[in-house]
């Protein structure tokens, strides 16, 4: 699988329902979910019951955080900027 690390930039593969989010900004209370493709940053990695989980922070272009969610590895796609050659 992916080797997801703290400070990795990730995108969510499927929409994340509002009930799974911690919303930081009141202006986002009207959303039903974060759409697939939304980009965030891994800020913490947990291991619970033998499964890794990731606290992901979602922020706008100015760096203002608006939501956080604890997500599983299969819900995330790590975004890479450099091509790794074997």
Protein backbone atom coordinates (compact mmCIF):
# COMPACT_ATOMS: atom_id res chain seq x y z
CA UNK A 1 0.00 0.00 0.00
CA UNK A 2 0.93 3.65 0.15
CA UNK A 3 3.39 4.70 2.78
CA UNK A 4 1.49 7.75 4.00
CA UNK A 5 3.51 10.02 6.27
CA UNK A 6 2.92 13.12 8.36
CA UNK A 7 2.87 16.28 6.14
CA UNK A 8 2.07 14.30 2.98
CA UNK A 9 -0.32 16.04 0.63
CA UNK A 10 -3.31 13.80 -0.06
CA UNK A 11 -6.59 13.86 -1.97
CA UNK A 12 -9.73 12.09 -0.82
CA UNK A 13 -10.91 9.34 -3.16
CA UNK A 14 -14.61 9.45 -2.26
CA UNK A 15 -16.76 12.19 -0.68
CA UNK A 16 -16.46 12.45 3.11
CA UNK A 17 -19.79 13.03 4.88
CA UNK A 18 -20.16 16.08 7.12
CA UNK A 19 -20.79 13.85 10.17
CA UNK A 20 -17.19 12.58 9.88
CA UNK A 21 -15.74 16.09 9.74
CA UNK A 22 -14.71 18.54 12.39
CA UNK A 23 -15.57 21.88 10.83
CA UNK A 24 -13.42 24.78 11.99
CA UNK A 25 -15.09 27.65 10.12
CA UNK A 26 -18.84 28.29 10.62
CA UNK A 27 -19.26 29.36 6.99
CA UNK A 28 -18.86 25.71 5.94
CA UNK A 29 -21.73 24.41 8.13
CA UNK A 30 -24.01 24.19 5.07
CA UNK A 31 -21.90 21.57 3.25
CA UNK A 32 -23.13 17.98 3.13
CA UNK A 33 -19.72 16.47 2.41
CA UNK A 34 -16.22 17.17 1.17
CA UNK A 35 -16.12 16.15 -2.50
CA UNK A 36 -13.77 13.53 -3.89
CA UNK A 37 -10.52 15.10 -5.02
CA UNK A 38 -10.42 17.59 -2.15
CA UNK A 39 -6.80 18.11 -1.11
CA UNK A 40 -5.52 18.07 2.47
CA UNK A 41 -2.41 17.54 4.56
CA UNK A 42 -1.74 14.63 6.92
CA UNK A 43 -1.03 16.13 10.34
CA UNK A 44 -1.02 12.97 12.47
CA UNK A 45 -0.73 9.21 11.92
CA UNK A 46 -2.42 6.81 14.36
CA UNK A 47 -2.48 3.05 14.64
CA UNK A 48 -5.67 1.64 16.11
CA UNK A 49 -6.43 -2.06 16.28
CA UNK A 50 -3.64 -2.81 13.81
CA UNK A 51 -4.93 -0.33 11.23
CA UNK A 52 -3.38 3.02 10.37
CA UNK A 53 -5.58 6.10 10.42
CA UNK A 54 -4.70 9.63 9.40
CA UNK A 55 -5.76 13.00 10.75
CA UNK A 56 -6.07 15.15 7.64
CA UNK A 57 -6.39 18.94 7.72
CA UNK A 58 -8.18 20.72 4.89
CA UNK A 59 -7.31 24.36 4.27
CA UNK A 60 -8.04 27.03 1.67
CA UNK A 61 -5.52 28.69 -0.67
CA UNK A 62 -4.51 31.13 2.08
CA UNK A 63 -3.74 28.28 4.48
CA UNK A 64 -6.84 28.85 6.65
CA UNK A 65 -7.98 25.51 8.02
CA UNK A 66 -11.69 24.80 7.53
CA UNK A 67 -12.06 21.09 8.33
CA UNK A 68 -10.35 18.01 9.74
CA UNK A 69 -11.14 14.31 9.48
CA UNK A 70 -9.69 11.00 10.60
CA UNK A 71 -9.45 8.86 7.48
CA UNK A 72 -8.27 5.41 6.54
CA UNK A 73 -5.53 4.62 4.06
CA UNK A 74 -7.99 3.34 1.44
CA UNK A 75 -9.75 6.72 1.44
CA UNK A 76 -6.62 8.65 0.46
CA UNK A 77 -4.40 9.15 -2.55
CA UNK A 78 -0.92 10.56 -1.86
CA UNK A 79 -0.03 13.34 -4.30
CA UNK A 80 3.54 13.23 -5.60
CA UNK A 81 5.48 16.07 -7.20
CA UNK A 82 8.63 14.15 -8.11
CA UNK A 83 8.88 10.94 -10.06
CA UNK A 84 10.67 8.26 -8.06
CA UNK A 85 12.91 6.08 -10.18
CA UNK A 86 13.84 2.59 -8.98
